[in-house]
Amino acid sequence: MVAAFASIGFTVTYRQVRPNPYLALRREDIDLHYFGIDSFRPEDSYGTCLVISPDPKRLFDAFADGLRFRYGRLPLTGFPRITRPRRRKNADGFTGFSLVDPGGNWIRVTAGQADDDAQPDAPTGRLARALQDAVVLGDSHGDVDQAAKILDGAVRRHSDGAPAGERVEALAYLLELSVRRGDATGAREVLARIDALDLSVADRATAAGALTTVAELRTAAEDLDADHRHP
């Protein structure tokens, strides 16, 4: 626990082993306190907390750098794991991400209050709306199977009429869901769909963030595929 949090900039402010295990951690103005339970499994955790940040993307980048350094890549499965910053339909459209710590506790980071002009417009296209629903299921609720099912169906039905940027965003998230599910076949199919897209220079500029995500996920998907082929 301590080593994982140290990698993302937390320091120990208090630690006790007896009579009851207790740990306090701090990074800037974020304080996290933990108590120990005998025979507790991360898979059984219901623990969660909310961190309101003026800049969730900056905090994510700092966390991601530390996690990549410690684990060799961004951990998307197991404990710890992290989701990328995305607009959350169930958080008034503001950007957020989740860090699931080594104990299985969800640390949910979201933007705070914003000016009305900064409030993102709700998407109107079917593919964009399906992506929003999938993000709520996959990132907020942790139901990656249902998120993948909804988004895969929407990609197949609604991609033709969607702007290129929306298609790339949807496919990038579908690729991430496939990796998180350990679905080597699904990841391979999504990568093939992405590689088949005919994107203009303007399209690539619009979807630059999603394409960067795809580039990072490609290695994870290829490793997953190799493990699947040669168990």
C-alpha atoms as a PDB file:
ATOM      1  CA  MET A   1       0.000   0.000   0.000  1.00  0.00           C
ATOM      2  CA  VAL A   2       2.657   2.528   1.067  1.00  0.00           C
ATOM      3  CA  ALA A   3       4.948   1.813  -1.905  1.00  0.00           C
ATOM      4  CA  ALA A   4       2.091   2.207  -4.400  1.00  0.00           C
ATOM      5  CA  PHE A   5       1.044   5.548  -2.921  1.00  0.00           C
ATOM      6  CA  ALA A   6       4.646   6.725  -2.657  1.00  0.00           C
ATOM      7  CA  SER A   7       4.926   6.272  -6.427  1.00  0.00           C
ATOM      8  CA  ILE A   8       2.168   8.874  -6.956  1.00  0.00           C
ATOM      9  CA  GLY A   9       3.552  11.415  -4.517  1.00  0.00           C
ATOM     10  CA  PHE A  10       1.966  10.526  -1.169  1.00  0.00           C
ATOM     11  CA  THR A  11       3.956  10.489   2.060  1.00  0.00           C
ATOM     12  CA  VAL A  12       3.166   8.750   5.343  1.00  0.00           C
ATOM     13  CA  THR A  13       2.048  11.180   8.049  1.00  0.00           C
ATOM     14  CA  TYR A  14       1.079   8.544  10.615  1.00  0.00           C
ATOM     15  CA  ARG A  15       1.450   4.799  10.892  1.00  0.00           C
ATOM     16  CA  GLN A  16       0.354   2.409  13.644  1.00  0.00           C
ATOM     17  CA  VAL A  17       0.481  -1.379  13.802  1.00  0.00           C
ATOM     18  CA  ARG A  18      -0.869  -2.047  17.312  1.00  0.00           C
ATOM     19  CA  PRO A  19      -3.345  -2.245  18.863  1.00  0.00           C
ATOM     20  CA  ASN A  20      -5.197  -1.515  15.599  1.00  0.00           C
ATOM     21  CA  PRO A  21      -3.531  -1.031  12.192  1.00  0.00           C
ATOM     22  CA  TYR A  22      -3.858   2.550  10.971  1.00  0.00           C
ATOM     23  CA  LEU A  23      -2.211   4.514   8.159  1.00  0.00           C
ATOM     24  CA  ALA A  24      -2.421   8.180   7.179  1.00  0.00           C
ATOM     25  CA  LEU A  25      -1.129   9.478   3.837  1.00  0.00           C
ATOM     26  CA  ARG A  26      -0.882  12.960   2.343  1.00  0.00           C
ATOM     27  CA  ARG A  27      -0.235  14.524  -1.044  1.00  0.00           C
ATOM     28  CA  GLU A  28      -0.550  18.324  -1.179  1.00  0.00           C
ATOM     29  CA  ASP A  29      -4.009  18.939   0.347  1.00  0.00           C
ATOM     30  CA  ILE A  30      -5.276  15.352  -0.076  1.00  0.00           C
ATOM     31  CA  ASP A  31      -5.317  13.309   3.129  1.00  0.00           C
ATOM     32  CA  LEU A  32      -6.200   9.600   3.070  1.00  0.00           C
ATOM     33  CA  HIS A  33      -6.659   7.543   6.241  1.00  0.00           C
ATOM     34  CA  TYR A  34      -6.841   3.746   6.359  1.00  0.00           C
ATOM     35  CA  PHE A  35      -7.569   1.187   9.041  1.00  0.00           C
ATOM     36  CA  GLY A  36      -6.795  -2.520   8.791  1.00  0.00           C
ATOM     37  CA  ILE A  37      -9.247  -5.442   8.875  1.00  0.00           C
ATOM     38  CA  ASP A  38      -8.045  -9.023   9.308  1.00  0.00           C
ATOM     39  CA  SER A  39      -8.541 -11.282   6.243  1.00  0.00           C
ATOM     40  CA  PHE A  40      -9.931  -8.395   4.190  1.00  0.00           C
ATOM     41  CA  ARG A  41      -9.773  -8.832   0.389  1.00  0.00           C
ATOM     42  CA  PRO A  42      -9.579  -5.881  -2.060  1.00  0.00           C
ATOM     43  CA  GLU A  43     -12.255  -7.597  -4.179  1.00  0.00           C
ATOM     44  CA  ASP A  44     -14.718  -7.198  -1.294  1.00  0.00           C
ATOM     45  CA  SER A  45     -14.115  -3.495  -0.691  1.00  0.00           C
ATOM     46  CA  TYR A  46     -16.976  -1.015  -0.672  1.00  0.00           C
ATOM     47  CA  GLY A  47     -14.693   1.840   0.362  1.00  0.00           C
ATOM     48  CA  THR A  48     -14.836   5.059  -1.640  1.00  0.00           C
ATOM     49  CA  CYS A  49     -14.084   8.743  -1.250  1.00  0.00           C
ATOM     50  CA  LEU A  50     -14.402  11.874  -3.374  1.00  0.00           C
ATOM     51  CA  VAL A  51     -11.566  14.256  -4.198  1.00  0.00           C
ATOM     52  CA  ILE A  52     -12.640  17.568  -5.741  1.00  0.00           C
ATOM     53  CA  SER A  53      -9.844  19.058  -7.802  1.00  0.00           C
ATOM     54  CA  PRO A  54      -9.731  22.271  -9.849  1.00  0.00           C
ATOM     55  CA  ASP A  55      -7.716  20.370 -12.462  1.00  0.00           C
ATOM     56  CA  PRO A  56      -8.352  16.583 -12.546  1.00  0.00           C
ATOM     57  CA  LYS A  57      -6.255  16.240 -15.707  1.00  0.00           C
ATOM     58  CA  ARG A  58      -3.161  17.627 -13.968  1.00  0.00           C
ATOM     59  CA  LEU A  59      -3.648  15.266 -11.032  1.00  0.00           C
ATOM     60  CA  PHE A  60      -4.204  12.316 -13.367  1.00  0.00           C
ATOM     61  CA  ASP A  61      -1.011  13.086 -15.289  1.00  0.00           C
ATOM     62  CA  ALA A  62       0.971  13.123 -12.041  1.00  0.00           C
ATOM     63  CA  PHE A  63      -0.583   9.850 -10.876  1.00  0.00           C
ATOM     64  CA  ALA A  64      -0.134   8.242 -14.290  1.00  0.00           C
ATOM     65  CA  ASP A  65       3.564   9.162 -14.489  1.00  0.00           C
ATOM     66  CA  GLY A  66       4.221   7.594 -11.101  1.00  0.00           C
ATOM     67  CA  LEU A  67       2.220   4.464 -11.860  1.00  0.00           C
ATOM     68  CA  ARG A  68       3.943   3.973 -15.216  1.00  0.00           C
ATOM     69  CA  PHE A  69       7.323   4.310 -13.538  1.00  0.00           C
ATOM     70  CA  ARG A  70       6.454   1.754 -10.857  1.00  0.00           C
ATOM     71  CA  TYR A  71       4.519  -0.789 -12.945  1.00  0.00           C
ATOM     72  CA  GLY A  72       5.973  -0.263 -16.401  1.00  0.00           C
ATOM     73  CA  ARG A  73       2.629   0.824 -17.850  1.00  0.00           C
ATOM     74  CA  LEU A  74      -0.617   2.386 -16.759  1.00  0.00           C
ATOM     75  CA  PRO A  75      -2.399  -0.295 -14.667  1.00  0.00           C
ATOM     76  CA  LEU A  76      -5.943  -0.757 -15.980  1.00  0.00           C
ATOM     77  CA  THR A  77      -6.759  -4.012 -14.180  1.00  0.00           C
ATOM     78  CA  GLY A  78      -6.152  -5.461 -10.748  1.00  0.00           C
ATOM     79  CA  PHE A  79      -5.081  -3.468  -7.703  1.00  0.00           C
ATOM     80  CA  PRO A  80      -4.139  -0.691  -8.054  1.00  0.00           C
ATOM     81  CA  ARG A  81      -5.721   0.479 -11.288  1.00  0.00           C
ATOM     82  CA  ILE A  82      -6.799   3.796 -12.756  1.00  0.00           C
ATOM     83  CA  THR A  83      -9.269   5.153 -15.317  1.00  0.00           C
ATOM     84  CA  ARG A  84      -8.526   8.056 -17.613  1.00  0.00           C
ATOM     85  CA  PRO A  85     -10.104  11.514 -17.207  1.00  0.00           C
ATOM     86  CA  ARG A  86     -13.426  11.658 -19.024  1.00  0.00           C
ATOM     87  CA  ARG A  87     -16.553  13.743 -18.867  1.00  0.00           C
ATOM     88  CA  ARG A  88     -19.033  12.071 -16.551  1.00  0.00           C
ATOM     89  CA  LYS A  89     -22.732  12.198 -17.389  1.00  0.00           C
ATOM     90  CA  ASN A  90     -23.519  11.357 -13.768  1.00  0.00           C
ATOM     91  CA  ALA A  91     -21.345  14.247 -12.514  1.00  0.00           C
ATOM     92  CA  ASP A  92     -23.030  17.078 -14.439  1.00  0.00           C
ATOM     93  CA  GLY A  93     -20.699  16.533 -17.380  1.00  0.00           C
ATOM     94  CA  PHE A  94     -17.546  17.511 -15.524  1.00  0.00           C
ATOM     95  CA  THR A  95     -14.312  15.609 -16.037  1.00  0.00           C
ATOM     96  CA  GLY A  96     -13.238  12.940 -13.575  1.00  0.00           C
ATOM     97  CA  PHE A  97     -11.260   9.761 -13.105  1.00  0.00           C
ATOM     98  CA  SER A  98     -10.992   7.002 -10.520  1.00  0.00           C
ATOM     99  CA  LEU A  99      -7.999   5.443  -8.797  1.00  0.00           C
ATOM    100  CA  VAL A 100      -8.704   2.041  -7.248  1.00  0.00           C
ATOM    101  CA  ASP A 101      -6.024   1.597  -4.609  1.00  0.00           C
ATOM    102  CA  PRO A 102      -4.240  -1.630  -3.542  1.00  0.00           C
ATOM    103  CA  GLY A 103      -6.953  -2.180  -0.916  1.00  0.00           C
ATOM    104  CA  GLY A 104      -9.770  -1.998  -3.475  1.00  0.00           C
ATOM    105  CA  ASN A 105     -10.986   1.452  -2.339  1.00  0.00           C
ATOM    106  CA  TRP A 106     -12.242   3.830  -5.029  1.00  0.00           C
ATOM    107  CA  ILE A 107     -10.708   7.314  -4.926  1.00  0.00           C
ATOM    108  CA  ARG A 108     -12.960   9.329  -7.229  1.00  0.00           C
ATOM    109  CA  VAL A 109     -11.483  12.577  -8.538  1.00  0.00           C
ATOM    110  CA  THR A 110     -13.786  15.140 -10.108  1.00  0.00           C
ATOM    111  CA  ALA A 111     -13.793  18.801 -11.042  1.00  0.00           C
ATOM    112  CA  GLY A 112     -15.513  21.198  -8.663  1.00  0.00           C
ATOM    113  CA  GLN A 113     -17.821  24.068  -9.442  1.00  0.00           C
ATOM    114  CA  ALA A 114     -17.316  25.766 -12.775  1.00  0.00           C
ATOM    115  CA  ASP A 115     -18.611  28.847 -14.538  1.00  0.00           C
ATOM    116  CA  ASP A 116     -21.659  28.286 -16.713  1.00  0.00           C
ATOM    117  CA  ASP A 117     -19.547  28.997 -19.785  1.00  0.00           C
ATOM    118  CA  ALA A 118     -17.204  26.133 -18.810  1.00  0.00           C
ATOM    119  CA  GLN A 119     -20.041  23.631 -18.487  1.00  0.00           C
ATOM    120  CA  PRO A 120     -19.685  21.198 -21.398  1.00  0.00           C
ATOM    121  CA  ASP A 121     -22.588  20.875 -23.815  1.00  0.00           C
ATOM    122  CA  ALA A 122     -24.441  17.574 -23.732  1.00  0.00           C
ATOM    123  CA  PRO A 123     -23.702  15.483 -26.834  1.00  0.00           C
ATOM    124  CA  THR A 124     -26.567  15.015 -29.259  1.00  0.00           C
ATOM    125  CA  GLY A 125     -25.404  12.166 -31.515  1.00  0.00           C
ATOM    126  CA  ARG A 126     -26.372   8.572 -30.739  1.00  0.00           C
ATOM    127  CA  LEU A 127     -22.781   7.351 -30.659  1.00  0.00           C
ATOM    128  CA  ALA A 128     -21.695  10.176 -28.346  1.00  0.00           C
ATOM    129  CA  ARG A 129     -24.631   9.513 -26.011  1.00  0.00           C
ATOM    130  CA  ALA A 130     -23.822   5.797 -25.949  1.00  0.00           C
ATOM    131  CA  LEU A 131     -20.219   6.644 -25.084  1.00  0.00           C
ATOM    132  CA  GLN A 132     -21.451   8.738 -22.154  1.00  0.00           C
ATOM    133  CA  ASP A 133     -23.583   5.851 -20.889  1.00  0.00           C
ATOM    134  CA  ALA A 134     -20.660   3.438 -21.262  1.00  0.00           C
ATOM    135  CA  VAL A 135     -18.347   5.740 -19.280  1.00  0.00           C
ATOM    136  CA  VAL A 136     -20.833   5.831 -16.389  1.00  0.00           C
ATOM    137  CA  LEU A 137     -21.041   2.041 -16.368  1.00  0.00           C
ATOM    138  CA  GLY A 138     -17.369   1.301 -16.969  1.00  0.00           C
ATOM    139  CA  ASP A 139     -15.626   4.051 -14.999  1.00  0.00           C
ATOM    140  CA  SER A 140     -18.106   5.075 -12.313  1.00  0.00           C
ATOM    141  CA  HIS A 141     -19.778   1.713 -11.619  1.00  0.00           C
ATOM    142  CA  GLY A 142     -16.933  -0.597 -12.641  1.00  0.00           C
ATOM    143  CA  ASP A 143     -19.245  -2.700 -14.853  1.00  0.00           C
ATOM    144  CA  VAL A 144     -16.877  -3.074 -17.806  1.00  0.00           C
ATOM    145  CA  ASP A 145     -18.797  -5.970 -19.376  1.00  0.00           C
ATOM    146  CA  GLN A 146     -22.051  -4.031 -19.707  1.00  0.00           C
ATOM    147  CA  ALA A 147     -20.193  -0.901 -20.777  1.00  0.00           C
ATOM    148  CA  ALA A 148     -18.459  -2.831 -23.574  1.00  0.00           C
ATOM    149  CA  LYS A 149     -21.745  -4.424 -24.677  1.00  0.00           C
ATOM    150  CA  ILE A 150     -23.525  -1.071 -24.950  1.00  0.00           C
ATOM    151  CA  LEU A 151     -20.680   0.707 -26.695  1.00  0.00           C
ATOM    152  CA  ASP A 152     -19.891  -2.116 -29.124  1.00  0.00           C
ATOM    153  CA  GLY A 153     -23.532  -2.166 -30.238  1.00  0.00           C
ATOM    154  CA  ALA A 154     -23.569   1.604 -30.690  1.00  0.00           C
ATOM    155  CA  VAL A 155     -20.323   1.571 -32.685  1.00  0.00           C
ATOM    156  CA  ARG A 156     -21.765  -1.041 -35.044  1.00  0.00           C
ATOM    157  CA  ARG A 157     -25.082   0.765 -35.480  1.00  0.00           C
ATOM    158  CA  HIS A 158     -24.253   4.465 -35.387  1.00  0.00           C
ATOM    159  CA  SER A 159     -20.670   4.976 -36.582  1.00  0.00           C
ATOM    160  CA  ASP A 160     -21.529   5.812 -40.194  1.00  0.00           C
ATOM    161  CA  GLY A 161     -23.352   9.025 -39.330  1.00  0.00           C
ATOM    162  CA  ALA A 162     -21.023  10.153 -36.555  1.00  0.00           C
ATOM    163  CA  PRO A 163     -18.207  12.697 -36.900  1.00  0.00           C
ATOM    164  CA  ALA A 164     -14.747  11.169 -37.140  1.00  0.00           C
ATOM    165  CA  GLY A 165     -13.732  12.549 -33.751  1.00  0.00           C
ATOM    166  CA  GLU A 166     -16.666  10.828 -32.047  1.00  0.00           C
ATOM    167  CA  ARG A 167     -15.862   7.539 -33.761  1.00  0.00           C
ATOM    168  CA  VAL A 168     -12.256   7.638 -32.588  1.00  0.00           C
ATOM    169  CA  GLU A 169     -13.307   8.544 -29.020  1.00  0.00           C
ATOM    170  CA  ALA A 170     -15.791   5.670 -28.928  1.00  0.00           C
ATOM    171  CA  LEU A 171     -13.356   3.138 -30.375  1.00  0.00           C
ATOM    172  CA  ALA A 172     -10.558   4.266 -28.054  1.00  0.00           C
ATOM    173  CA  TYR A 173     -12.771   3.651 -25.042  1.00  0.00           C
ATOM    174  CA  LEU A 174     -14.000   0.343 -26.450  1.00  0.00           C
ATOM    175  CA  LEU A 175     -10.342  -0.689 -26.839  1.00  0.00           C
ATOM    176  CA  GLU A 176      -9.654   0.243 -23.225  1.00  0.00           C
ATOM    177  CA  LEU A 177     -12.684  -1.740 -22.060  1.00  0.00           C
ATOM    178  CA  SER A 178     -11.469  -4.765 -24.030  1.00  0.00           C
ATOM    179  CA  VAL A 179      -8.058  -4.555 -22.362  1.00  0.00           C
ATOM    180  CA  ARG A 180      -9.626  -4.137 -18.937  1.00  0.00           C
ATOM    181  CA  ARG A 181     -11.801  -7.214 -19.564  1.00  0.00           C
ATOM    182  CA  GLY A 182      -8.861  -9.295 -20.766  1.00  0.00           C
ATOM    183  CA  ASP A 183     -10.670  -9.722 -24.099  1.00  0.00           C
ATOM    184  CA  ALA A 184      -7.816 -10.312 -26.550  1.00  0.00           C
ATOM    185  CA  THR A 185     -10.128 -11.012 -29.501  1.00  0.00           C
ATOM    186  CA  GLY A 186     -12.205  -7.902 -28.848  1.00  0.00           C
ATOM    187  CA  ALA A 187      -9.108  -5.724 -28.509  1.00  0.00           C
ATOM    188  CA  ARG A 188      -7.716  -7.068 -31.785  1.00  0.00           C
ATOM    189  CA  GLU A 189     -10.996  -6.350 -33.580  1.00  0.00           C
ATOM    190  CA  VAL A 190     -11.219  -2.803 -32.217  1.00  0.00           C
ATOM    191  CA  LEU A 191      -7.638  -2.050 -33.246  1.00  0.00           C
ATOM    192  CA  ALA A 192      -8.469  -3.261 -36.759  1.00  0.00           C
ATOM    193  CA  ARG A 193     -11.468  -0.896 -36.855  1.00  0.00           C
ATOM    194  CA  ILE A 194      -9.310   2.012 -35.706  1.00  0.00           C
ATOM    195  CA  ASP A 195      -6.572   1.262 -38.226  1.00  0.00           C
ATOM    196  CA  ALA A 196      -9.186   1.119 -41.008  1.00  0.00           C
ATOM    197  CA  LEU A 197     -10.440   4.649 -40.315  1.00  0.00           C
ATOM    198  CA  ASP A 198      -9.695   7.158 -43.071  1.00  0.00           C
ATOM    199  CA  LEU A 199      -8.819  10.225 -40.985  1.00  0.00           C
ATOM    200  CA  SER A 200      -7.912  13.594 -42.401  1.00  0.00           C
ATOM    201  CA  VAL A 201      -5.313  15.853 -40.828  1.00  0.00           C
ATOM    202  CA  ALA A 202      -8.150  17.837 -39.241  1.00  0.00           C
ATOM    203  CA  ASP A 203      -9.740  14.640 -37.920  1.00  0.00           C
ATOM    204  CA  ARG A 204      -6.462  13.591 -36.327  1.00  0.00           C
ATOM    205  CA  ALA A 205      -6.095  16.987 -34.684  1.00  0.00           C
ATOM    206  CA  THR A 206      -9.627  16.785 -33.277  1.00  0.00           C
ATOM    207  CA  ALA A 207      -9.066  13.256 -31.982  1.00  0.00           C
ATOM    208  CA  ALA A 208      -5.447  13.752 -30.853  1.00  0.00           C
ATOM    209  CA  GLY A 209      -6.158  12.819 -27.241  1.00  0.00           C
ATOM    210  CA  ALA A 210      -8.003   9.634 -28.154  1.00  0.00           C
ATOM    211  CA  LEU A 211      -5.303   8.638 -30.636  1.00  0.00           C
ATOM    212  CA  THR A 212      -2.653   9.075 -27.942  1.00  0.00           C
ATOM    213  CA  THR A 213      -4.700   6.760 -25.722  1.00  0.00           C
ATOM    214  CA  VAL A 214      -4.916   4.217 -28.544  1.00  0.00           C
ATOM    215  CA  ALA A 215      -1.141   4.296 -29.026  1.00  0.00           C
ATOM    216  CA  GLU A 216      -0.583   3.461 -25.361  1.00  0.00           C
ATOM    217  CA  LEU A 217      -3.273   0.789 -25.319  1.00  0.00           C
ATOM    218  CA  ARG A 218      -1.941  -0.869 -28.464  1.00  0.00           C
ATOM    219  CA  THR A 219       1.022  -2.348 -26.604  1.00  0.00           C
ATOM    220  CA  ALA A 220      -1.229  -3.638 -23.824  1.00  0.00           C
ATOM    221  CA  ALA A 221      -3.608  -5.144 -26.394  1.00  0.00           C
ATOM    222  CA  GLU A 222      -0.765  -6.814 -28.293  1.00  0.00           C
ATOM    223  CA  ASP A 223       0.633  -8.275 -25.059  1.00  0.00           C
ATOM    224  CA  LEU A 224      -2.832  -9.529 -24.176  1.00  0.00           C
ATOM    225  CA  ASP A 225      -3.127 -11.121 -27.585  1.00  0.00           C
ATOM    226  CA  ALA A 226       0.284 -12.789 -27.231  1.00  0.00           C
ATOM    227  CA  ASP A 227      -0.689 -14.195 -23.816  1.00  0.00           C
ATOM    228  CA  HIS A 228      -3.944 -15.478 -25.311  1.00  0.00           C
ATOM    229  CA  ARG A 229      -2.170 -17.203 -28.196  1.00  0.00           C
ATOM    230  CA  HIS A 230       0.618 -18.669 -26.046  1.00  0.00           C
ATOM    231  CA  PRO A 231      -0.750 -19.306 -22.543  1.00  0.00           C
END
